Amino acid sequence: MDENELIELSDEIIESLTQLVLGKTPGFLSNSIFKKLATHPNFNEIKKCYSEFINSFNGAYKDATELKKLSDFRYKIVELYQST
């Protein structure tokens, strides 16, 4: 998986999680991640990882260390999603 694929997949996971949190339900034309996320075996771990990342985020990426945290977060949620 290259960097662009990682970013796209992690974005889809985050968007799907956000939609679920906002009370939206997947429909017939929804993407597969949105349809499967709520019943995914690692759903709770994905939520935990996301909330920990949000809580540690201070509003901007000011240096390479903070950008690395973003990359690590993306890798982690993709890894959790793909490990079933």
Protein backbone atom coordinates (compact mmCIF):
# COMPACT_ATOMS: atom_id res chain seq x y z
CA MET A 1 0.00 0.00 0.00
CA ASP A 2 1.48 3.36 -0.99
CA GLU A 3 1.08 6.60 0.92
CA ASN A 4 -1.88 7.85 -1.16
CA GLU A 5 -3.77 4.60 -0.64
CA LEU A 6 -3.08 4.78 3.08
CA ILE A 7 -4.39 8.34 3.25
CA GLU A 8 -7.51 7.50 1.23
CA LEU A 9 -8.35 4.42 3.29
CA SER A 10 -7.74 6.16 6.62
CA ASP A 11 -9.87 9.10 5.48
CA GLU A 12 -12.72 6.73 4.57
CA ILE A 13 -12.48 5.06 7.98
CA ILE A 14 -12.50 8.42 9.77
CA GLU A 15 -15.39 9.76 7.67
CA SER A 16 -17.39 6.58 8.24
CA LEU A 17 -16.79 6.70 11.99
CA THR A 18 -17.80 10.36 12.08
CA GLN A 19 -21.01 9.60 10.18
CA LEU A 20 -21.86 6.81 12.61
CA VAL A 21 -21.20 9.08 15.59
CA LEU A 22 -23.54 11.67 14.08
CA GLY A 23 -26.32 9.09 13.91
CA LYS A 24 -26.26 8.37 10.19
CA THR A 25 -26.91 4.86 9.01
CA PRO A 26 -25.46 3.25 5.91
CA GLY A 27 -27.73 3.02 2.93
CA PHE A 28 -27.71 0.88 -0.18
CA LEU A 29 -25.28 3.18 -1.99
CA SER A 30 -22.96 3.79 0.97
CA ASN A 31 -19.33 2.80 0.66
CA SER A 32 -18.36 -0.59 2.02
CA ILE A 33 -16.36 0.79 4.95
CA PHE A 34 -19.36 2.76 6.20
CA LYS A 35 -21.53 -0.34 5.84
CA LYS A 36 -19.11 -2.64 7.70
CA LEU A 37 -17.48 -0.42 10.32
CA ALA A 38 -20.08 -0.65 13.10
CA THR A 39 -19.89 -4.45 13.08
CA HIS A 40 -16.14 -4.68 12.53
CA PRO A 41 -14.37 -6.85 15.14
CA ASN A 42 -11.95 -3.99 15.92
CA PHE A 43 -14.59 -1.26 16.00
CA ASN A 44 -13.99 -0.41 19.65
CA GLU A 45 -10.22 -0.29 19.16
CA ILE A 46 -10.65 1.99 16.12
CA LYS A 47 -12.89 4.30 18.18
CA LYS A 48 -10.36 4.31 21.03
CA CYS A 49 -7.47 5.09 18.69
CA TYR A 50 -9.45 7.92 17.08
CA SER A 51 -10.48 9.47 20.39
CA GLU A 52 -6.93 9.28 21.76
CA PHE A 53 -5.63 10.98 18.64
CA ILE A 54 -8.27 13.72 18.83
CA ASN A 55 -7.52 14.31 22.52
CA SER A 56 -3.80 14.70 21.85
CA PHE A 57 -4.29 17.01 18.85
CA ASN A 58 -3.70 20.68 19.66
CA GLY A 59 -5.15 22.31 16.55
CA ALA A 60 -2.25 22.32 14.09
CA TYR A 61 0.74 20.36 12.87
CA LYS A 62 3.67 22.61 13.69
CA ASP A 63 6.61 20.26 13.23
CA ALA A 64 7.73 16.89 11.92
CA THR A 65 7.01 15.17 15.24
CA GLU A 66 3.35 16.13 15.07
CA LEU A 67 3.12 15.05 11.42
CA LYS A 68 4.64 11.71 12.41
CA LYS A 69 1.87 11.30 15.00
CA LEU A 70 -0.67 11.83 12.21
CA SER A 71 1.06 9.23 10.01
CA ASP A 72 1.28 6.77 12.90
CA PHE A 73 -2.43 7.28 13.60
CA ARG A 74 -3.30 6.63 9.96
CA TYR A 75 -1.23 3.43 9.92
CA LYS A 76 -2.79 2.25 13.16
CA ILE A 77 -6.44 2.64 12.13
CA VAL A 78 -5.78 1.06 8.73
CA GLU A 79 -3.99 -1.82 10.42
CA LEU A 80 -6.90 -2.29 12.84
CA TYR A 81 -9.41 -2.16 9.98
CA GLN A 82 -7.52 -4.62 7.80
CA SER A 83 -6.79 -7.14 10.56
CA THR A 84 -9.95 -9.19 10.78
